[in-house]
Amino acid sequence: MGTYQAELVHVELLNREEITPQHFAPGDMLRIRMHYWAHERVPTPAFGLAIYRSDGTHVNGPNSVMDGYSIPFIEGKGHVDYGGRPSSRSMPAAMN
């Protein structure tokens, strides 16, 4: 759950050219771009995602705080990026 001070409004899967292709091939660069809208100034937000294989196995769960990224604040509309490699995965995204 969250405080509703901000919300994720869109998630994009981008390639090296920063476009969304019809599909990704094994080994292709993948950037996950999470667009947010902060209804007010939010100090030190945490961004994270959960990546699962198609069989439901948790593969990775990056989090901006756990990974040592300090985001002083967010305001208004913006985005954060996460880079990785694709597979057969489900990628729920969230912010705290």
C-alpha atoms as a PDB file:
ATOM      1  CA  MET A   1       0.000   0.000   0.000  1.00  0.00           C
ATOM      2  CA  GLY A   2       1.244   3.556  -0.090  1.00  0.00           C
ATOM      3  CA  THR A   3       0.481   7.082   0.983  1.00  0.00           C
ATOM      4  CA  TYR A   4      -0.889   8.180  -2.416  1.00  0.00           C
ATOM      5  CA  GLN A   5       1.468  11.169  -2.369  1.00  0.00           C
ATOM      6  CA  ALA A   6       2.689   9.830  -5.714  1.00  0.00           C
ATOM      7  CA  GLU A   7       1.688   7.124  -8.154  1.00  0.00           C
ATOM      8  CA  LEU A   8       3.182   5.129 -10.990  1.00  0.00           C
ATOM      9  CA  VAL A   9       1.268   6.110 -14.098  1.00  0.00           C
ATOM     10  CA  HIS A  10       3.072   4.186 -16.849  1.00  0.00           C
ATOM     11  CA  VAL A  11       5.798   1.561 -17.266  1.00  0.00           C
ATOM     12  CA  GLU A  12       7.767   1.208 -20.524  1.00  0.00           C
ATOM     13  CA  LEU A  13      10.073  -1.559 -21.729  1.00  0.00           C
ATOM     14  CA  LEU A  14      12.722   0.133 -23.877  1.00  0.00           C
ATOM     15  CA  ASN A  15      15.634  -1.112 -25.962  1.00  0.00           C
ATOM     16  CA  ARG A  16      19.059   0.448 -26.486  1.00  0.00           C
ATOM     17  CA  GLU A  17      17.548   3.033 -28.877  1.00  0.00           C
ATOM     18  CA  GLU A  18      14.952   3.948 -26.197  1.00  0.00           C
ATOM     19  CA  ILE A  19      12.024   2.653 -28.244  1.00  0.00           C
ATOM     20  CA  THR A  20       9.550  -0.113 -27.346  1.00  0.00           C
ATOM     21  CA  PRO A  21      10.055  -2.967 -29.819  1.00  0.00           C
ATOM     22  CA  GLN A  22       7.444  -5.626 -30.655  1.00  0.00           C
ATOM     23  CA  HIS A  23       9.639  -8.160 -28.820  1.00  0.00           C
ATOM     24  CA  PHE A  24      13.025  -8.581 -27.154  1.00  0.00           C
ATOM     25  CA  ALA A  25      15.464 -11.317 -28.168  1.00  0.00           C
ATOM     26  CA  PRO A  26      17.717 -13.077 -25.641  1.00  0.00           C
ATOM     27  CA  GLY A  27      20.697 -10.822 -24.936  1.00  0.00           C
ATOM     28  CA  ASP A  28      18.974  -7.586 -25.963  1.00  0.00           C
ATOM     29  CA  MET A  29      19.435  -4.606 -23.662  1.00  0.00           C
ATOM     30  CA  LEU A  30      16.283  -3.826 -21.674  1.00  0.00           C
ATOM     31  CA  ARG A  31      15.546  -0.620 -19.790  1.00  0.00           C
ATOM     32  CA  ILE A  32      12.435  -0.480 -17.612  1.00  0.00           C
ATOM     33  CA  ARG A  33      11.203   3.100 -17.353  1.00  0.00           C
ATOM     34  CA  MET A  34       8.714   3.853 -14.570  1.00  0.00           C
ATOM     35  CA  HIS A  35       6.826   7.129 -14.994  1.00  0.00           C
ATOM     36  CA  TYR A  36       5.454   8.685 -11.823  1.00  0.00           C
ATOM     37  CA  TRP A  37       3.281  11.610 -10.851  1.00  0.00           C
ATOM     38  CA  ALA A  38       3.992  13.097  -7.430  1.00  0.00           C
ATOM     39  CA  HIS A  39       0.915  14.979  -6.201  1.00  0.00           C
ATOM     40  CA  GLU A  40       3.151  16.772  -3.717  1.00  0.00           C
ATOM     41  CA  ARG A  41       6.863  16.933  -2.944  1.00  0.00           C
ATOM     42  CA  VAL A  42       7.916  13.481  -1.695  1.00  0.00           C
ATOM     43  CA  PRO A  43      11.210  13.303   0.213  1.00  0.00           C
ATOM     44  CA  THR A  44      13.450  10.226  -0.186  1.00  0.00           C
ATOM     45  CA  PRO A  45      11.080   7.987  -2.205  1.00  0.00           C
ATOM     46  CA  ALA A  46      11.868   4.306  -2.794  1.00  0.00           C
ATOM     47  CA  PHE A  47      11.332   2.774  -6.231  1.00  0.00           C
ATOM     48  CA  GLY A  48      11.352  -0.952  -6.809  1.00  0.00           C
ATOM     49  CA  LEU A  49      10.163  -3.741  -9.043  1.00  0.00           C
ATOM     50  CA  ALA A  50       9.653  -7.464  -8.779  1.00  0.00           C
ATOM     51  CA  ILE A  51      10.757  -9.650 -11.677  1.00  0.00           C
ATOM     52  CA  TYR A  52       9.321 -13.165 -12.004  1.00  0.00           C
ATOM     53  CA  ARG A  53       9.797 -15.984 -14.504  1.00  0.00           C
ATOM     54  CA  SER A  54       6.722 -17.265 -16.319  1.00  0.00           C
ATOM     55  CA  ASP A  55       6.524 -20.170 -13.813  1.00  0.00           C
ATOM     56  CA  GLY A  56       6.207 -17.699 -10.908  1.00  0.00           C
ATOM     57  CA  THR A  57       9.775 -17.997  -9.592  1.00  0.00           C
ATOM     58  CA  HIS A  58      11.089 -14.688  -8.216  1.00  0.00           C
ATOM     59  CA  VAL A  59      14.187 -13.735 -10.231  1.00  0.00           C
ATOM     60  CA  ASN A  60      15.119 -10.262  -9.004  1.00  0.00           C
ATOM     61  CA  GLY A  61      13.715  -7.465  -6.877  1.00  0.00           C
ATOM     62  CA  PRO A  62      15.737  -4.283  -7.333  1.00  0.00           C
ATOM     63  CA  ASN A  63      14.956  -1.415  -4.991  1.00  0.00           C
ATOM     64  CA  SER A  64      16.483   2.067  -5.131  1.00  0.00           C
ATOM     65  CA  VAL A  65      17.132   2.181  -1.362  1.00  0.00           C
ATOM     66  CA  MET A  66      18.563  -1.347  -1.081  1.00  0.00           C
ATOM     67  CA  ASP A  67      20.762  -0.672  -4.123  1.00  0.00           C
ATOM     68  CA  GLY A  68      22.170   2.509  -2.542  1.00  0.00           C
ATOM     69  CA  TYR A  69      20.538   5.105  -4.786  1.00  0.00           C
ATOM     70  CA  SER A  70      19.667   8.234  -2.870  1.00  0.00           C
ATOM     71  CA  ILE A  71      16.782  10.161  -4.400  1.00  0.00           C
ATOM     72  CA  PRO A  72      16.489  13.398  -2.389  1.00  0.00           C
ATOM     73  CA  PHE A  73      12.891  14.069  -3.509  1.00  0.00           C
ATOM     74  CA  ILE A  74      10.429  13.871  -6.385  1.00  0.00           C
ATOM     75  CA  GLU A  75       7.897  16.493  -7.483  1.00  0.00           C
ATOM     76  CA  GLY A  76       5.356  16.532 -10.309  1.00  0.00           C
ATOM     77  CA  LYS A  77       5.852  14.230 -13.277  1.00  0.00           C
ATOM     78  CA  GLY A  78       9.062  12.311 -13.884  1.00  0.00           C
ATOM     79  CA  HIS A  79      10.559   8.864 -14.380  1.00  0.00           C
ATOM     80  CA  VAL A  80      13.171   6.484 -13.052  1.00  0.00           C
ATOM     81  CA  ASP A  81      14.975   3.819 -15.111  1.00  0.00           C
ATOM     82  CA  TYR A  82      16.160   0.307 -14.351  1.00  0.00           C
ATOM     83  CA  GLY A  83      18.423  -1.507 -16.822  1.00  0.00           C
ATOM     84  CA  GLY A  84      18.690  -5.270 -17.226  1.00  0.00           C
ATOM     85  CA  ARG A  85      18.228  -8.130 -19.679  1.00  0.00           C
ATOM     86  CA  PRO A  86      14.862  -9.639 -20.701  1.00  0.00           C
ATOM     87  CA  SER A  87      13.519 -13.152 -20.405  1.00  0.00           C
ATOM     88  CA  SER A  88      10.058 -14.671 -19.936  1.00  0.00           C
ATOM     89  CA  ARG A  89       9.208 -12.498 -16.921  1.00  0.00           C
ATOM     90  CA  SER A  90       6.399 -10.582 -15.302  1.00  0.00           C
ATOM     91  CA  MET A  91       7.516  -7.195 -13.940  1.00  0.00           C
ATOM     92  CA  PRO A  92       5.176  -5.560 -11.410  1.00  0.00           C
ATOM     93  CA  ALA A  93       6.422  -2.104 -10.490  1.00  0.00           C
ATOM     94  CA  ALA A  94       5.784  -0.129  -7.325  1.00  0.00           C
ATOM     95  CA  MET A  95       6.952   2.841  -5.324  1.00  0.00           C
ATOM     96  CA  ASN A  96       6.917   3.340  -1.562  1.00  0.00           C
END
